N, C-alpha and C. Protein backbone atom coordinates (compact mmCIF):
# COMPACT_ATOMS: atom_id res chain seq x y z
N MET A 1 132.94 63.92 111.86
CA MET A 1 132.97 62.50 111.61
C MET A 1 131.68 62.07 110.91
N LYS A 2 131.82 61.24 109.88
CA LYS A 2 130.65 60.80 109.14
C LYS A 2 129.92 59.70 109.88
N GLU A 3 128.62 59.62 109.58
CA GLU A 3 127.81 58.56 110.17
C GLU A 3 128.30 57.22 109.66
N GLN A 4 128.06 56.18 110.44
CA GLN A 4 128.44 54.84 110.04
C GLN A 4 127.77 54.49 108.72
N GLY A 5 128.53 53.95 107.79
CA GLY A 5 127.99 53.58 106.49
C GLY A 5 128.10 54.69 105.45
N ARG A 6 128.50 55.89 105.88
CA ARG A 6 128.63 57.01 104.94
C ARG A 6 130.09 57.42 104.76
N ASP A 7 131.02 56.60 105.23
CA ASP A 7 132.43 56.97 105.20
C ASP A 7 133.00 57.01 103.79
N LYS A 8 132.36 56.36 102.82
CA LYS A 8 132.84 56.38 101.44
C LYS A 8 132.02 57.31 100.55
N GLU A 9 131.16 58.09 101.17
CA GLU A 9 130.32 59.03 100.43
C GLU A 9 131.19 60.14 99.83
N PRO A 10 130.95 60.48 98.56
CA PRO A 10 131.73 61.56 97.94
C PRO A 10 131.52 62.89 98.69
N VAL A 11 132.54 63.71 98.69
CA VAL A 11 132.49 65.00 99.37
C VAL A 11 132.70 66.09 98.31
N PRO A 12 131.89 67.15 98.34
CA PRO A 12 132.10 68.24 97.38
C PRO A 12 133.51 68.80 97.47
N ASN A 13 134.00 69.31 96.34
CA ASN A 13 135.34 69.91 96.30
C ASN A 13 135.38 71.28 96.95
N ALA A 14 134.23 71.96 96.95
CA ALA A 14 134.16 73.32 97.48
C ALA A 14 132.71 73.61 97.88
N PRO A 15 132.50 74.70 98.60
CA PRO A 15 131.13 75.09 98.92
C PRO A 15 130.36 75.48 97.66
N ILE A 16 129.04 75.49 97.76
CA ILE A 16 128.22 75.99 96.65
C ILE A 16 128.62 77.44 96.41
N ARG A 17 128.69 77.83 95.17
CA ARG A 17 129.13 79.21 94.92
C ARG A 17 128.05 80.21 95.30
N LYS A 18 128.48 81.36 95.75
CA LYS A 18 127.54 82.37 96.22
C LYS A 18 126.94 83.16 95.07
N THR A 19 127.65 83.29 93.98
CA THR A 19 127.14 84.05 92.84
C THR A 19 126.47 83.12 91.84
N PRO A 20 125.37 83.55 91.24
CA PRO A 20 124.65 82.69 90.32
C PRO A 20 125.38 82.53 88.99
N PRO A 21 125.13 81.42 88.30
CA PRO A 21 125.72 81.24 86.98
C PRO A 21 125.17 82.27 85.99
N LEU A 22 125.98 82.65 85.03
CA LEU A 22 125.56 83.64 84.04
C LEU A 22 124.44 83.12 83.14
N SER A 23 124.24 81.82 83.12
CA SER A 23 123.17 81.24 82.29
C SER A 23 121.78 81.57 82.83
N LEU A 24 121.70 82.03 84.08
CA LEU A 24 120.40 82.40 84.66
C LEU A 24 120.06 83.84 84.26
N SER A 25 118.77 84.09 84.07
CA SER A 25 118.31 85.45 83.78
C SER A 25 118.49 86.31 85.03
N LEU A 26 118.35 87.61 84.88
CA LEU A 26 118.48 88.52 86.02
C LEU A 26 117.47 88.16 87.11
N ASP A 27 116.22 87.90 86.73
CA ASP A 27 115.20 87.52 87.71
C ASP A 27 115.54 86.20 88.39
N GLU A 28 116.03 85.24 87.61
CA GLU A 28 116.42 83.95 88.19
C GLU A 28 117.61 84.11 89.13
N ARG A 29 118.50 85.02 88.82
CA ARG A 29 119.65 85.26 89.70
C ARG A 29 119.20 85.78 91.06
N LYS A 30 118.16 86.58 91.09
CA LYS A 30 117.62 87.05 92.36
C LYS A 30 117.09 85.87 93.18
N VAL A 31 116.45 84.92 92.50
CA VAL A 31 115.96 83.72 93.18
C VAL A 31 117.13 82.90 93.70
N TRP A 32 118.22 82.83 92.93
CA TRP A 32 119.43 82.11 93.37
C TRP A 32 119.88 82.63 94.74
N PHE A 33 119.94 83.96 94.88
CA PHE A 33 120.38 84.54 96.15
C PHE A 33 119.42 84.19 97.28
N GLU A 34 118.13 84.15 96.99
CA GLU A 34 117.15 83.75 98.01
C GLU A 34 117.43 82.32 98.47
N PHE A 35 117.64 81.44 97.50
CA PHE A 35 117.91 80.04 97.84
C PHE A 35 119.19 79.93 98.67
N ILE A 36 120.25 80.61 98.25
CA ILE A 36 121.52 80.54 98.97
C ILE A 36 121.34 80.96 100.43
N ARG A 37 120.52 82.00 100.66
CA ARG A 37 120.28 82.45 102.04
C ARG A 37 119.45 81.45 102.83
N LYS A 38 118.56 80.71 102.16
CA LYS A 38 117.62 79.85 102.88
C LYS A 38 118.07 78.40 103.03
N ILE A 39 118.96 77.96 102.19
CA ILE A 39 119.42 76.57 102.26
C ILE A 39 120.21 76.38 103.55
N PRO A 40 119.89 75.35 104.32
CA PRO A 40 120.62 75.12 105.57
C PRO A 40 122.13 75.05 105.35
N ASP A 41 122.83 75.62 106.28
CA ASP A 41 124.28 75.67 106.26
C ASP A 41 124.90 74.32 105.92
N GLY A 42 125.77 74.31 104.92
CA GLY A 42 126.56 73.13 104.63
C GLY A 42 125.85 72.01 103.90
N VAL A 43 124.64 72.22 103.42
CA VAL A 43 123.91 71.15 102.74
C VAL A 43 124.39 70.96 101.31
N LEU A 44 124.66 72.06 100.59
CA LEU A 44 125.06 71.95 99.19
C LEU A 44 126.53 72.29 98.99
N GLY A 45 127.13 71.63 98.00
CA GLY A 45 128.51 71.91 97.61
C GLY A 45 128.55 72.28 96.14
N ASP A 46 129.77 72.49 95.63
CA ASP A 46 129.93 72.91 94.24
C ASP A 46 129.32 71.93 93.24
N CYS A 47 129.32 70.68 93.58
CA CYS A 47 128.77 69.67 92.67
C CYS A 47 127.24 69.73 92.58
N ASP A 48 126.62 70.53 93.41
CA ASP A 48 125.15 70.66 93.41
C ASP A 48 124.67 71.89 92.65
N GLU A 49 125.57 72.61 92.04
CA GLU A 49 125.21 73.86 91.35
C GLU A 49 124.15 73.64 90.28
N TYR A 50 124.27 72.58 89.51
CA TYR A 50 123.30 72.33 88.42
C TYR A 50 121.92 72.04 88.98
N TRP A 51 121.87 71.32 90.08
CA TRP A 51 120.58 71.02 90.73
C TRP A 51 119.95 72.30 91.26
N LEU A 52 120.78 73.14 91.87
CA LEU A 52 120.25 74.39 92.39
C LEU A 52 119.76 75.29 91.26
N ALA A 53 120.52 75.37 90.17
CA ALA A 53 120.10 76.18 89.03
C ALA A 53 118.76 75.68 88.47
N MET A 54 118.59 74.37 88.42
CA MET A 54 117.32 73.81 87.95
C MET A 54 116.18 74.20 88.89
N ALA A 55 116.44 74.12 90.19
CA ALA A 55 115.41 74.50 91.16
C ALA A 55 115.08 75.99 91.03
N VAL A 56 116.07 76.81 90.79
CA VAL A 56 115.86 78.25 90.62
C VAL A 56 114.96 78.50 89.41
N ARG A 57 115.25 77.82 88.31
CA ARG A 57 114.41 78.01 87.11
C ARG A 57 112.97 77.56 87.36
N MET A 58 112.82 76.47 88.06
CA MET A 58 111.47 75.97 88.36
C MET A 58 110.74 76.95 89.30
N GLU A 59 111.44 77.50 90.28
CA GLU A 59 110.82 78.48 91.18
C GLU A 59 110.39 79.72 90.40
N TRP A 60 111.22 80.14 89.44
CA TRP A 60 110.84 81.31 88.64
C TRP A 60 109.58 81.01 87.81
N LYS A 61 109.50 79.79 87.28
CA LYS A 61 108.29 79.40 86.53
C LYS A 61 107.08 79.40 87.46
N GLU A 62 107.27 78.95 88.68
CA GLU A 62 106.19 78.94 89.68
C GLU A 62 105.72 80.38 89.93
N ARG A 63 106.66 81.27 90.15
CA ARG A 63 106.32 82.66 90.46
C ARG A 63 105.67 83.39 89.28
N SER A 64 106.11 83.03 88.09
CA SER A 64 105.55 83.70 86.91
C SER A 64 104.28 83.00 86.40
N ARG A 65 103.84 82.00 87.17
CA ARG A 65 102.60 81.26 86.89
C ARG A 65 102.60 80.58 85.52
N THR A 66 103.77 80.09 85.12
CA THR A 66 103.87 79.36 83.86
C THR A 66 104.23 77.89 84.06
N ILE A 67 104.34 77.47 85.31
CA ILE A 67 104.72 76.09 85.60
C ILE A 67 103.53 75.15 85.34
N THR A 68 103.81 74.01 84.76
CA THR A 68 102.76 73.02 84.50
C THR A 68 102.64 72.09 85.70
N GLY A 69 101.59 71.31 85.73
CA GLY A 69 101.40 70.34 86.81
C GLY A 69 102.56 69.35 86.93
N PRO A 70 102.97 68.72 85.81
CA PRO A 70 104.11 67.79 85.91
C PRO A 70 105.40 68.49 86.33
N GLU A 71 105.61 69.72 85.87
CA GLU A 71 106.81 70.46 86.28
C GLU A 71 106.78 70.75 87.78
N ARG A 72 105.60 71.10 88.30
CA ARG A 72 105.48 71.38 89.73
C ARG A 72 105.82 70.12 90.54
N SER A 73 105.34 68.99 90.07
CA SER A 73 105.64 67.73 90.75
C SER A 73 107.15 67.46 90.74
N GLN A 74 107.80 67.70 89.60
CA GLN A 74 109.25 67.52 89.53
C GLN A 74 109.96 68.51 90.44
N TYR A 75 109.44 69.72 90.52
CA TYR A 75 110.03 70.76 91.36
C TYR A 75 109.97 70.36 92.83
N ILE A 76 108.82 69.86 93.24
CA ILE A 76 108.66 69.43 94.64
C ILE A 76 109.65 68.31 94.96
N THR A 77 109.80 67.37 94.03
CA THR A 77 110.76 66.28 94.21
C THR A 77 112.18 66.83 94.30
N LEU A 78 112.51 67.77 93.42
CA LEU A 78 113.84 68.37 93.41
C LEU A 78 114.13 69.11 94.72
N LEU A 79 113.15 69.86 95.22
CA LEU A 79 113.34 70.54 96.50
C LEU A 79 113.64 69.54 97.61
N GLY A 80 112.96 68.40 97.58
CA GLY A 80 113.23 67.37 98.57
C GLY A 80 114.65 66.84 98.46
N LYS A 81 115.11 66.62 97.23
CA LYS A 81 116.48 66.12 97.03
C LYS A 81 117.51 67.11 97.54
N LEU A 82 117.16 68.40 97.50
CA LEU A 82 118.07 69.43 98.00
C LEU A 82 117.90 69.68 99.50
N GLY A 83 117.05 68.90 100.15
CA GLY A 83 116.84 69.05 101.60
C GLY A 83 116.03 70.27 101.96
N MET A 84 115.13 70.68 101.06
CA MET A 84 114.41 71.93 101.28
C MET A 84 112.94 71.72 101.64
N ASN A 85 112.65 70.61 102.29
CA ASN A 85 111.35 70.44 102.93
C ASN A 85 111.59 69.71 104.25
N PRO A 86 110.70 69.87 105.22
CA PRO A 86 110.98 69.34 106.57
C PRO A 86 111.29 67.85 106.64
N SER A 87 110.54 67.03 105.95
CA SER A 87 110.77 65.59 106.08
C SER A 87 112.08 65.17 105.43
N GLU A 88 112.41 65.73 104.27
CA GLU A 88 113.66 65.37 103.61
C GLU A 88 114.87 65.98 104.32
N ARG A 89 114.70 67.18 104.86
CA ARG A 89 115.80 67.84 105.58
C ARG A 89 116.23 67.02 106.79
N SER A 90 115.29 66.30 107.38
CA SER A 90 115.63 65.49 108.55
C SER A 90 116.57 64.34 108.19
N LYS A 91 116.67 64.01 106.90
CA LYS A 91 117.54 62.92 106.44
C LYS A 91 118.91 63.41 106.00
N VAL A 92 119.10 64.72 105.96
CA VAL A 92 120.33 65.31 105.44
C VAL A 92 121.35 65.50 106.55
N THR A 93 122.60 65.16 106.25
CA THR A 93 123.70 65.46 107.16
C THR A 93 124.47 66.62 106.54
N ALA A 94 124.53 67.73 107.21
CA ALA A 94 125.18 68.92 106.67
C ALA A 94 126.63 69.00 107.10
N ASN A 95 127.40 69.67 106.26
CA ASN A 95 128.80 69.98 106.56
C ASN A 95 128.90 71.49 106.61
N PRO A 96 128.72 72.12 107.77
CA PRO A 96 128.67 73.58 107.86
C PRO A 96 129.83 74.32 107.23
N SER A 97 130.96 73.71 107.06
CA SER A 97 132.09 74.40 106.44
C SER A 97 131.89 74.57 104.94
N ALA A 98 130.85 73.96 104.38
CA ALA A 98 130.60 74.05 102.95
C ALA A 98 129.70 75.22 102.58
N LYS A 99 129.53 76.18 103.46
CA LYS A 99 128.66 77.34 103.20
C LYS A 99 129.52 78.56 102.85
N PRO A 100 129.13 79.34 101.83
CA PRO A 100 129.88 80.57 101.54
C PRO A 100 129.95 81.48 102.77
N VAL A 101 131.04 82.20 102.90
CA VAL A 101 131.29 82.99 104.09
C VAL A 101 130.71 84.40 104.02
N ASN A 102 130.68 85.03 102.84
CA ASN A 102 130.24 86.43 102.74
C ASN A 102 128.85 86.63 103.30
N ALA A 103 128.64 87.79 103.90
CA ALA A 103 127.38 88.10 104.59
C ALA A 103 126.19 88.11 103.65
N ASP A 104 126.22 88.88 102.58
CA ASP A 104 125.08 88.94 101.68
C ASP A 104 125.55 89.11 100.24
N PRO A 105 125.71 88.01 99.51
CA PRO A 105 126.21 88.07 98.14
C PRO A 105 125.26 88.80 97.20
N GLU A 106 123.98 88.88 97.55
CA GLU A 106 123.03 89.58 96.68
C GLU A 106 123.38 91.06 96.59
N ASP A 107 123.76 91.67 97.71
CA ASP A 107 124.16 93.07 97.69
C ASP A 107 125.34 93.29 96.75
N GLU A 108 126.30 92.39 96.83
CA GLU A 108 127.48 92.47 95.98
C GLU A 108 127.08 92.36 94.50
N PHE A 109 126.21 91.41 94.19
CA PHE A 109 125.75 91.21 92.82
C PHE A 109 124.96 92.40 92.30
N LEU A 110 123.99 92.85 93.09
CA LEU A 110 123.14 93.95 92.64
C LEU A 110 123.94 95.23 92.43
N SER A 111 124.95 95.47 93.23
CA SER A 111 125.75 96.67 93.05
C SER A 111 126.57 96.60 91.76
N SER A 112 126.92 95.39 91.31
CA SER A 112 127.68 95.26 90.07
C SER A 112 126.79 95.37 88.84
N VAL A 113 125.48 95.16 89.00
CA VAL A 113 124.53 95.21 87.88
C VAL A 113 124.09 96.64 87.59
N GLN A 114 124.08 97.47 88.61
CA GLN A 114 123.56 98.85 88.46
C GLN A 114 124.45 99.74 87.68
C-alpha cells in the first residue's frame, strides 16, 4: 500500500534490467553490475535505466580520475536522486518486487564476453 499522498505516483512498468545497455563500454558495464548489486531492493524500475546509465558513466569518470569538479557535484546530486546516500535513501519508498531475480547477472555477462 502506498503512503498517503503518493497514490497517484507513477509506477515503473518493470524492474530495472539486470544487464547493462550496449551503449556502455565494457568497463562501464562492470560498474553497472556493481550498482545493480548495491542499489536497495526495489528502488529502481525500468524507467530509471537512463539515470542509472548516467550514474555509471560518472562513476567511471570518477574512477579514471577524469571527472571535473562540476561533474562530481552533478554526480553526487544524481546519486541522491537514485537513493544512494543515507539521507536521501531515508526518503525513498521501495517496491521490493521491482528487483531483478537472478543471483549474479555479472557472472552471466562476463561468461558471454569471454
